[in-house]
C-alpha atoms as a PDB file:
ATOM      1  CA  MET A   1     101.503 117.046  93.441  1.00  0.00           C
ATOM      2  CA  ARG A   2      97.831 117.346  94.641  1.00  0.00           C
ATOM      3  CA  TYR A   3      95.499 116.006  92.305  1.00  0.00           C
ATOM      4  CA  LYS A   4      91.408 117.647  91.620  1.00  0.00           C
ATOM      5  CA  ILE A   5      89.907 114.216  91.270  1.00  0.00           C
ATOM      6  CA  LEU A   6      85.960 114.543  90.884  1.00  0.00           C
ATOM      7  CA  LEU A   7      83.421 112.383  91.943  1.00  0.00           C
ATOM      8  CA  GLY A   8      81.199 110.243  88.835  1.00  0.00           C
ATOM      9  CA  TYR A   9      83.801 107.823  86.294  1.00  0.00           C
ATOM     10  CA  GLU A  10      86.652 108.608  83.999  1.00  0.00           C
ATOM     11  CA  GLU A  11      87.835 107.005  80.705  1.00  0.00           C
ATOM     12  CA  PHE A  12      91.482 106.423  80.070  1.00  0.00           C
ATOM     13  CA  ALA A  13      92.454 105.065  76.657  1.00  0.00           C
ATOM     14  CA  ASP A  14      96.105 104.416  78.304  1.00  0.00           C
ATOM     15  CA  CYS A  15      97.801 104.477  81.374  1.00  0.00           C
ATOM     16  CA  THR A  16     100.657 102.485  83.057  1.00  0.00           C
ATOM     17  CA  LEU A  17      99.941 100.484  86.098  1.00  0.00           C
ATOM     18  CA  LEU A  18     102.842  99.477  88.881  1.00  0.00           C
ATOM     19  CA  PHE A  19     102.025  96.584  91.300  1.00  0.00           C
ATOM     20  CA  THR A  20     104.589  95.304  93.476  1.00  0.00           C
ATOM     21  CA  ASP A  21     104.742  92.483  97.077  1.00  0.00           C
ATOM     22  CA  ILE A  22     107.403  91.238  98.997  1.00  0.00           C
ATOM     23  CA  VAL A  23     108.429  87.449  98.425  1.00  0.00           C
ATOM     24  CA  THR A  24     107.331  85.640 101.955  1.00  0.00           C
ATOM     25  CA  PHE A  25     106.034  88.386 103.202  1.00  0.00           C
ATOM     26  CA  THR A  26     104.308  85.901 104.890  1.00  0.00           C
ATOM     27  CA  ASN A  27     106.615  83.725 106.473  1.00  0.00           C
ATOM     28  CA  ILE A  28     107.516  87.080 107.592  1.00  0.00           C
ATOM     29  CA  CYS A  29     103.988  87.496 109.863  1.00  0.00           C
ATOM     30  CA  ALA A  30     104.376  84.086 110.700  1.00  0.00           C
ATOM     31  CA  LEU A  31     107.518  84.840 112.514  1.00  0.00           C
ATOM     32  CA  CYS A  32     107.815  88.638 113.628  1.00  0.00           C
ATOM     33  CA  THR A  33     106.043  90.098 116.192  1.00  0.00           C
ATOM     34  CA  PRO A  34     103.426  92.588 114.605  1.00  0.00           C
ATOM     35  CA  TYR A  35     105.296  95.884 115.334  1.00  0.00           C
ATOM     36  CA  ASP A  36     108.210  94.449 113.504  1.00  0.00           C
ATOM     37  CA  VAL A  37     105.899  93.882 110.376  1.00  0.00           C
ATOM     38  CA  VAL A  38     104.057  96.880 110.573  1.00  0.00           C
ATOM     39  CA  THR A  39     108.205  98.449 110.711  1.00  0.00           C
ATOM     40  CA  LEU A  40     108.982  97.149 108.083  1.00  0.00           C
ATOM     41  CA  LEU A  41     105.942  97.873 105.658  1.00  0.00           C
ATOM     42  CA  ASN A  42     106.546 102.029 106.769  1.00  0.00           C
ATOM     43  CA  ASP A  43     110.530 102.068 106.113  1.00  0.00           C
ATOM     44  CA  LEU A  44     109.252 100.503 103.102  1.00  0.00           C
ATOM     45  CA  TYR A  45     106.062 102.455 101.787  1.00  0.00           C
ATOM     46  CA  LEU A  46     107.647 105.918 102.736  1.00  0.00           C
ATOM     47  CA  ARG A  47     110.618 105.235 100.005  1.00  0.00           C
ATOM     48  CA  PHE A  48     107.845 104.498  97.884  1.00  0.00           C
ATOM     49  CA  ASP A  49     106.057 106.817  98.504  1.00  0.00           C
ATOM     50  CA  ARG A  50     108.814 109.111  97.847  1.00  0.00           C
ATOM     51  CA  LEU A  51     110.172 107.989  94.078  1.00  0.00           C
ATOM     52  CA  VAL A  52     106.484 108.158  93.377  1.00  0.00           C
ATOM     53  CA  GLY A  53     106.299 112.072  94.495  1.00  0.00           C
ATOM     54  CA  LEU A  54     109.990 112.274  92.707  1.00  0.00           C
ATOM     55  CA  HIS A  55     108.088 110.946  89.607  1.00  0.00           C
ATOM     56  CA  ASP A  56     105.054 112.776  89.188  1.00  0.00           C
ATOM     57  CA  ALA A  57     102.864 109.367  89.678  1.00  0.00           C
ATOM     58  CA  TYR A  58      99.465 108.551  91.852  1.00  0.00           C
ATOM     59  CA  LYS A  59      99.859 106.462  94.402  1.00  0.00           C
ATOM     60  CA  VAL A  60      96.523 103.715  93.936  1.00  0.00           C
ATOM     61  CA  GLU A  61      96.837 102.012  97.407  1.00  0.00           C
ATOM     62  CA  THR A  62      97.986  99.997  99.385  1.00  0.00           C
ATOM     63  CA  ILE A  63      96.777  95.871 101.160  1.00  0.00           C
ATOM     64  CA  GLY A  64      98.815  94.244 103.214  1.00  0.00           C
ATOM     65  CA  ASP A  65     102.657  94.194 100.642  1.00  0.00           C
ATOM     66  CA  ALA A  66     101.163  94.840  98.106  1.00  0.00           C
ATOM     67  CA  TYR A  67     101.397  98.936  96.882  1.00  0.00           C
ATOM     68  CA  MET A  68      99.592 100.077  94.029  1.00  0.00           C
ATOM     69  CA  ILE A  69     100.786 102.867  91.688  1.00  0.00           C
ATOM     70  CA  VAL A  70     100.210 104.070  87.863  1.00  0.00           C
ATOM     71  CA  GLY A  71     100.926 107.028  85.146  1.00  0.00           C
ATOM     72  CA  GLY A  72      98.961 108.685  83.087  1.00  0.00           C
ATOM     73  CA  VAL A  73      95.934 109.062  86.049  1.00  0.00           C
ATOM     74  CA  PRO A  74      93.561 110.986  87.176  1.00  0.00           C
ATOM     75  CA  GLU A  75      96.262 113.404  85.123  1.00  0.00           C
ATOM     76  CA  HIS A  76      96.444 112.860  81.476  1.00  0.00           C
ATOM     77  CA  CYS A  77     100.380 112.572  80.269  1.00  0.00           C
ATOM     78  CA  GLU A  78     101.964 111.218  77.333  1.00  0.00           C
ATOM     79  CA  ASN A  79     105.294 109.620  79.359  1.00  0.00           C
ATOM     80  CA  HIS A  80     103.372 107.956  81.930  1.00  0.00           C
ATOM     81  CA  ALA A  81     105.122 104.952  80.992  1.00  0.00           C
ATOM     82  CA  GLU A  82     108.483 106.491  81.264  1.00  0.00           C
ATOM     83  CA  ARG A  83     107.328 107.506  84.681  1.00  0.00           C
ATOM     84  CA  VAL A  84     105.994 104.547  85.761  1.00  0.00           C
ATOM     85  CA  LEU A  85     109.487 102.609  84.665  1.00  0.00           C
ATOM     86  CA  ASN A  86     111.396 105.108  86.172  1.00  0.00           C
ATOM     87  CA  ILE A  87     110.052 104.571  89.625  1.00  0.00           C
ATOM     88  CA  SER A  88     110.123 101.082  88.919  1.00  0.00           C
ATOM     89  CA  ILE A  89     113.610 101.183  88.904  1.00  0.00           C
ATOM     90  CA  GLY A  90     114.350 103.503  91.892  1.00  0.00           C
ATOM     91  CA  MET A  91     111.757 100.955  94.204  1.00  0.00           C
ATOM     92  CA  LEU A  92     114.410  97.863  93.518  1.00  0.00           C
ATOM     93  CA  MET A  93     116.758  99.407  94.401  1.00  0.00           C
ATOM     94  CA  GLU A  94     115.279 101.507  97.418  1.00  0.00           C
ATOM     95  CA  SER A  95     114.225  97.869  98.344  1.00  0.00           C
ATOM     96  CA  LYS A  96     117.806  96.450  99.053  1.00  0.00           C
ATOM     97  CA  LEU A  97     118.200  98.635 101.446  1.00  0.00           C
ATOM     98  CA  VAL A  98     114.801  97.406 104.015  1.00  0.00           C
ATOM     99  CA  LEU A  99     116.289  94.390 105.599  1.00  0.00           C
ATOM    100  CA  SER A 100     114.276  91.661 106.912  1.00  0.00           C
ATOM    101  CA  PRO A 101     113.291  91.112 110.943  1.00  0.00           C
ATOM    102  CA  ILE A 102     114.239  87.487 110.542  1.00  0.00           C
ATOM    103  CA  THR A 103     117.297  87.316 108.262  1.00  0.00           C
ATOM    104  CA  HIS A 104     118.365  91.190 108.825  1.00  0.00           C
ATOM    105  CA  LYS A 105     119.586  90.979 104.526  1.00  0.00           C
ATOM    106  CA  PRO A 106     117.829  92.945 102.382  1.00  0.00           C
ATOM    107  CA  ILE A 107     114.091  91.978 101.061  1.00  0.00           C
ATOM    108  CA  LYS A 108     113.839  90.276  97.861  1.00  0.00           C
ATOM    109  CA  ILE A 109     109.971  92.218  95.813  1.00  0.00           C
ATOM    110  CA  ARG A 110     108.615  91.319  92.891  1.00  0.00           C
ATOM    111  CA  LEU A 111     107.658  94.554  90.550  1.00  0.00           C
ATOM    112  CA  GLY A 112     104.950  93.516  87.228  1.00  0.00           C
ATOM    113  CA  VAL A 113     104.355  96.903  85.061  1.00  0.00           C
ATOM    114  CA  HIS A 114     101.738  96.870  82.313  1.00  0.00           C
ATOM    115  CA  CYS A 115      99.165  98.836  79.435  1.00  0.00           C
ATOM    116  CA  GLY A 116      96.105  99.882  78.410  1.00  0.00           C
ATOM    117  CA  PRO A 117      92.810 101.492  79.566  1.00  0.00           C
ATOM    118  CA  VAL A 118      91.112 101.606  82.258  1.00  0.00           C
ATOM    119  CA  VAL A 119      88.214 103.525  84.068  1.00  0.00           C
ATOM    120  CA  ALA A 120      88.767 105.628  87.293  1.00  0.00           C
ATOM    121  CA  GLY A 121      86.536 107.484  89.112  1.00  0.00           C
ATOM    122  CA  VAL A 122      85.022 107.358  93.717  1.00  0.00           C
ATOM    123  CA  VAL A 123      83.152 104.377  94.799  1.00  0.00           C
ATOM    124  CA  GLY A 124      81.566 104.519  98.539  1.00  0.00           C
ATOM    125  CA  ILE A 125      80.371 107.407 100.915  1.00  0.00           C
ATOM    126  CA  LYS A 126      82.189 106.472 104.099  1.00  0.00           C
ATOM    127  CA  MET A 127      86.160 106.705 103.285  1.00  0.00           C
ATOM    128  CA  PRO A 128      85.406 107.617  99.617  1.00  0.00           C
ATOM    129  CA  ARG A 129      88.701 105.567  97.049  1.00  0.00           C
ATOM    130  CA  TYR A 130      89.550 106.418  94.216  1.00  0.00           C
ATOM    131  CA  CYS A 131      89.900 103.172  92.207  1.00  0.00           C
ATOM    132  CA  LEU A 132      90.925 102.038  89.732  1.00  0.00           C
ATOM    133  CA  PHE A 133      88.621  99.631  87.034  1.00  0.00           C
ATOM    134  CA  GLY A 134      89.431  97.175  83.852  1.00  0.00           C
ATOM    135  CA  ASP A 135      91.571  93.903  82.799  1.00  0.00           C
ATOM    136  CA  THR A 136      94.564  96.284  82.307  1.00  0.00           C
ATOM    137  CA  VAL A 137      94.471  96.408  86.138  1.00  0.00           C
ATOM    138  CA  ASN A 138      94.227  92.213  86.194  1.00  0.00           C
ATOM    139  CA  VAL A 139      96.990  91.907  83.713  1.00  0.00           C
ATOM    140  CA  ALA A 140      99.369  93.986  86.319  1.00  0.00           C
ATOM    141  CA  ASN A 141      98.437  93.025  89.005  1.00  0.00           C
ATOM    142  CA  LYS A 142      99.622  89.345  86.727  1.00  0.00           C
ATOM    143  CA  MET A 143     102.559  90.716  85.531  1.00  0.00           C
ATOM    144  CA  GLU A 144     103.718  90.732  89.252  1.00  0.00           C
ATOM    145  CA  SER A 145     102.671  87.707  90.375  1.00  0.00           C
ATOM    146  CA  ASN A 146     104.181  85.171  87.895  1.00  0.00           C
ATOM    147  CA  GLY A 147     107.178  87.915  88.263  1.00  0.00           C
ATOM    148  CA  ILE A 148     110.541  87.189  89.018  1.00  0.00           C
ATOM    149  CA  GLN A 149     111.904  88.279  92.910  1.00  0.00           C
ATOM    150  CA  CYS A 150     114.244  91.546  91.856  1.00  0.00           C
ATOM    151  CA  LYS A 151     113.226  91.604  88.131  1.00  0.00           C
ATOM    152  CA  ILE A 152     110.911  94.112  86.776  1.00  0.00           C
ATOM    153  CA  HIS A 153     108.132  92.584  84.627  1.00  0.00           C
ATOM    154  CA  VAL A 154     107.540  94.161  81.985  1.00  0.00           C
ATOM    155  CA  SER A 155     104.160  94.063  79.561  1.00  0.00           C
ATOM    156  CA  GLU A 156     104.576  94.472  75.378  1.00  0.00           C
ATOM    157  CA  THR A 157     102.795  97.205  75.419  1.00  0.00           C
ATOM    158  CA  ALA A 158     104.625  98.898  78.725  1.00  0.00           C
ATOM    159  CA  LYS A 159     107.711  97.881  76.671  1.00  0.00           C
ATOM    160  CA  GLN A 160     106.705  99.528  73.926  1.00  0.00           C
ATOM    161  CA  ASN A 161     104.654 102.150  75.455  1.00  0.00           C
ATOM    162  CA  GLY A 162     108.345 103.375  77.336  1.00  0.00           C
ATOM    163  CA  LEU A 163     110.640 103.103  74.279  1.00  0.00           C
ATOM    164  CA  LYS A 164     107.625 105.385  73.048  1.00  0.00           C
ATOM    165  CA  ALA A 165     108.759 107.638  75.161  1.00  0.00           C
ATOM    166  CA  ASN A 166     112.731 106.827  75.845  1.00  0.00           C
ATOM    167  CA  PRO A 167     114.348 104.878  73.153  1.00  0.00           C
ATOM    168  CA  SER A 168     117.216 104.574  75.609  1.00  0.00           C
ATOM    169  CA  TYR A 169     115.485 101.485  77.865  1.00  0.00           C
ATOM    170  CA  VAL A 170     116.451  98.566  78.206  1.00  0.00           C
ATOM    171  CA  PHE A 171     114.363  95.769  78.060  1.00  0.00           C
ATOM    172  CA  ILE A 172     115.597  91.473  77.998  1.00  0.00           C
ATOM    173  CA  ASP A 173     113.280  88.922  76.405  1.00  0.00           C
ATOM    174  CA  ARG A 174     111.349  86.226  79.123  1.00  0.00           C
ATOM    175  CA  GLY A 175     109.768  85.001  76.529  1.00  0.00           C
ATOM    176  CA  ASN A 176     106.418  83.126  76.246  1.00  0.00           C
ATOM    177  CA  THR A 177     104.923  83.073  80.042  1.00  0.00           C
ATOM    178  CA  GLU A 178     101.581  81.444  81.404  1.00  0.00           C
ATOM    179  CA  ILE A 179      99.261  83.697  82.518  1.00  0.00           C
ATOM    180  CA  ARG A 180      96.626  83.067  84.152  1.00  0.00           C
ATOM    181  CA  GLY A 181      93.117  83.827  82.438  1.00  0.00           C
ATOM    182  CA  LYS A 182      94.574  85.490  79.434  1.00  0.00           C
ATOM    183  CA  GLY A 183      96.653  82.313  78.825  1.00  0.00           C
ATOM    184  CA  MET A 184     100.628  82.686  76.949  1.00  0.00           C
ATOM    185  CA  MET A 185     102.173  86.165  77.063  1.00  0.00           C
ATOM    186  CA  TYR A 186     105.204  87.746  75.627  1.00  0.00           C
ATOM    187  CA  THR A 187     106.898  89.085  78.145  1.00  0.00           C
ATOM    188  CA  TYR A 188     110.390  90.674  79.592  1.00  0.00           C
ATOM    189  CA  PHE A 189     112.838  92.506  81.668  1.00  0.00           C
ATOM    190  CA  LEU A 190     113.320  95.956  82.232  1.00  0.00           C
ATOM    191  CA  GLU A 191     116.759  96.364  82.764  1.00  0.00           C
ATOM    192  CA  ARG A 192     117.804  99.661  82.439  1.00  0.00           C
ATOM    193  CA  ASN A 193     117.519 103.187  81.363  1.00  0.00           C
ATOM    194  CA  ASP A 194     121.199 104.301  79.244  1.00  0.00           C
ATOM    195  CA  ARG A 195     119.470 108.137  79.648  1.00  0.00           C
ATOM    196  CA  LYS A 196     119.655 107.991  83.777  1.00  0.00           C
ATOM    197  CA  SER A 197     121.745 107.258  86.164  1.00  0.00           C
ATOM    198  CA  VAL A 198     119.714 104.987  89.254  1.00  0.00           C
ATOM    199  CA  TRP A 199     121.552 107.434  91.690  1.00  0.00           C
ATOM    200  CA  GLU A 200     119.203 110.360  89.332  1.00  0.00           C
ATOM    201  CA  LEU A 201     116.413 108.699  89.796  1.00  0.00           C
ATOM    202  CA  CYS A 202     116.658 107.719  93.456  1.00  0.00           C
ATOM    203  CA  ALA A 203     117.523 111.103  93.511  1.00  0.00           C
ATOM    204  CA  ARG A 204     120.515 110.209  95.838  1.00  0.00           C
ATOM    205  CA  PRO A 205     124.545 110.834  95.462  1.00  0.00           C
ATOM    206  CA  ARG A 206     126.145 108.808  94.223  1.00  0.00           C
ATOM    207  CA  SER A 207     129.208 107.876  96.675  1.00  0.00           C
ATOM    208  CA  GLY A 208     133.103 107.366  95.438  1.00  0.00           C
ATOM    209  CA  GLU A 209     133.327 103.371  96.013  1.00  0.00           C
ATOM    210  CA  GLN A 210     129.767 103.546  93.305  1.00  0.00           C
ATOM    211  CA  THR A 211     129.588 102.648  90.058  1.00  0.00           C
ATOM    212  CA  ILE A 212     128.318 105.507  88.163  1.00  0.00           C
ATOM    213  CA  ASP A 213     125.721 104.349  86.476  1.00  0.00           C
ATOM    214  CA  GLY A 214     124.299 101.648  89.605  1.00  0.00           C
ATOM    215  CA  TYR A 215     122.817  99.719  87.473  1.00  0.00           C
ATOM    216  CA  MET A 216     125.950  97.447  88.744  1.00  0.00           C
ATOM    217  CA  GLU A 217     124.059  97.712  92.135  1.00  0.00           C
ATOM    218  CA  LEU A 218     120.437  97.635  91.083  1.00  0.00           C
ATOM    219  CA  HIS A 219     121.495  93.696  89.966  1.00  0.00           C
ATOM    220  CA  ASP A 220     124.251  92.645  92.027  1.00  0.00           C
ATOM    221  CA  GLN A 221     122.576  89.267  93.820  1.00  0.00           C
ATOM    222  CA  ALA A 222     125.566  88.907  96.027  1.00  0.00           C
ATOM    223  CA  ILE A 223     123.440  90.134  98.897  1.00  0.00           C
ATOM    224  CA  TYR A 224     120.417  88.123  98.681  1.00  0.00           C
ATOM    225  CA  GLN A 225     123.359  84.837  98.664  1.00  0.00           C
ATOM    226  CA  GLU A 226     122.688  82.212 102.172  1.00  0.00           C
ATOM    227  CA  GLU A 227     125.976  81.852 103.862  1.00  0.00           C
ATOM    228  CA  GLY A 228     126.776  78.496 102.069  1.00  0.00           C
ATOM    229  CA  ASN A 229     126.031  79.516  98.598  1.00  0.00           C
ATOM    230  CA  GLN A 230     128.403  82.886  98.935  1.00  0.00           C
ATOM    231  CA  GLU A 231     131.215  80.369 100.506  1.00  0.00           C
ATOM    232  CA  THR A 232     130.143  77.784  96.930  1.00  0.00           C
ATOM    233  CA  ALA A 233     131.115  81.227  94.845  1.00  0.00           C
ATOM    234  CA  ASN A 234     133.557  82.470  96.365  1.00  0.00           C
ATOM    235  CA  ALA A 235     135.102  78.774  96.038  1.00  0.00           C
ATOM    236  CA  GLU A 236     134.719  79.077  92.099  1.00  0.00           C
ATOM    237  CA  ASN A 237     136.426  82.309  92.041  1.00  0.00           C
ATOM    238  CA  GLY A 238     139.265  81.263  93.449  1.00  0.00           C
ATOM    239  CA  HIS A 239     138.952  82.651  96.513  1.00  0.00           C
ATOM    240  CA  ASN A 240     140.306  79.589  99.308  1.00  0.00           C
ATOM    241  CA  SER A 241     138.502  79.571 103.411  1.00  0.00           C
ATOM    242  CA  SER A 242     140.650  81.473 105.320  1.00  0.00           C
ATOM    243  CA  ALA A 243     141.036  84.631 102.940  1.00  0.00           C
ATOM    244  CA  ASN A 244     136.946  83.691 103.217  1.00  0.00           C
ATOM    245  CA  ALA A 245     137.088  83.754 106.991  1.00  0.00           C
ATOM    246  CA  ALA A 246     139.215  87.407 107.568  1.00  0.00           C
ATOM    247  CA  ASN A 247     137.088  88.769 105.334  1.00  0.00           C
ATOM    248  CA  ASN A 248     133.570  87.694 107.266  1.00  0.00           C
ATOM    249  CA  ASN A 249     135.487  89.110 110.785  1.00  0.00           C
ATOM    250  CA  ASN A 250     135.527  92.151 109.075  1.00  0.00           C
ATOM    251  CA  THR A 251     133.006  95.501 109.193  1.00  0.00           C
ATOM    252  CA  HIS A 252     132.349  98.373 107.514  1.00  0.00           C
ATOM    253  CA  HIS A 253     131.480 101.603 109.040  1.00  0.00           C
ATOM    254  CA  SER A 254     131.117  99.538 112.673  1.00  0.00           C
ATOM    255  CA  GLY A 255     128.521  98.091 110.896  1.00  0.00           C
ATOM    256  CA  ARG A 256     126.837  94.366 111.739  1.00  0.00           C
ATOM    257  CA  LYS A 257     128.174  91.557 109.869  1.00  0.00           C
ATOM    258  CA  MET A 258     125.422  89.790 107.992  1.00  0.00           C
ATOM    259  CA  MET A 259     125.762  85.836 106.854  1.00  0.00           C
ATOM    260  CA  ASN A 260     126.823  86.241 103.251  1.00  0.00           C
ATOM    261  CA  GLY A 261     129.993  88.907 104.080  1.00  0.00           C
ATOM    262  CA  THR A 262     127.363  91.990 103.981  1.00  0.00           C
ATOM    263  CA  SER A 263     127.032  94.392 106.613  1.00  0.00           C
ATOM    264  CA  VAL A 264     124.770  96.811 107.370  1.00  0.00           C
ATOM    265  CA  ASP A 265     125.514 101.314 108.699  1.00  0.00           C
ATOM    266  CA  PRO A 266     121.845 100.958 111.176  1.00  0.00           C
ATOM    267  CA  GLY A 267     122.849 104.775 111.383  1.00  0.00           C
ATOM    268  CA  SER A 268     123.270 105.361 107.695  1.00  0.00           C
ATOM    269  CA  HIS A 269     121.740 102.871 106.095  1.00  0.00           C
ATOM    270  CA  HIS A 270     124.711 102.165 103.810  1.00  0.00           C
ATOM    271  CA  VAL A 271     124.830  98.462 102.119  1.00  0.00           C
ATOM    272  CA  ARG A 272     127.782  96.426 101.524  1.00  0.00           C
ATOM    273  CA  SER A 273     128.053  93.221  99.960  1.00  0.00           C
ATOM    274  CA  PRO A 274     131.474  91.124  98.775  1.00  0.00           C
ATOM    275  CA  THR A 275     130.470  92.422  95.100  1.00  0.00           C
ATOM    276  CA  CYS A 276     128.694  96.253  95.539  1.00  0.00           C
ATOM    277  CA  THR A 277     127.943  99.325  97.680  1.00  0.00           C
ATOM    278  CA  ILE A 278     124.661 100.851  97.918  1.00  0.00           C
ATOM    279  CA  CYS A 279     124.030 103.435  99.982  1.00  0.00           C
END
């Protein structure tokens, strides 16, 4: 969708902002070539851009590994929180398909969502940019920076606005969180949207081996685990070492094997963990 953005500024009484960044991105930059970093970000941002267009939100900007979007700006809409929360679920799933050039395992991202008023407008003459201003932007950024990897950190206003548009969202309490400059804030993690599956939110077909709603795959942590952690988990679940070794000698769809038993097919970007499959 193309937006007509006018010079000057406009006040928006309510909108929903999302920030996301890559965990340990500084380490990745230090250990990779610039080409690897650009390839990684391009892969990730093309996926994010598709989701933003799919759910009719607005991409504000990217700065390095930081990606910022908004719902309800520059065009007003009533369900801006629903749009952005749906995108956040899709972003978390899509990030699992982007592999780190260092570990060849899926990257980890943090996501933060907050709702509130902003002032928006075009600033500058040379390469003018449409920017958002206000405390809402700062709080949304802090939701991300104070979040937990592979989780969608949500403020009270984002939760309430989301439930107003869609009562089928499921949140879990994080509790009181120290937010620099704001003090203690009671925050939440978004778990699921019971109205739509992950596959619907990502506009991707489900294979026969995947769960119907996709939320098991969304919250699967096994694909991130180190080799030692996976062996410990297998031992706790009653798997013997010989069975685990046999499993590690197998590959899926002629893909490359990763340290934790996860396999990746470079052609289809199909990821299989010991517990879930994502494609």
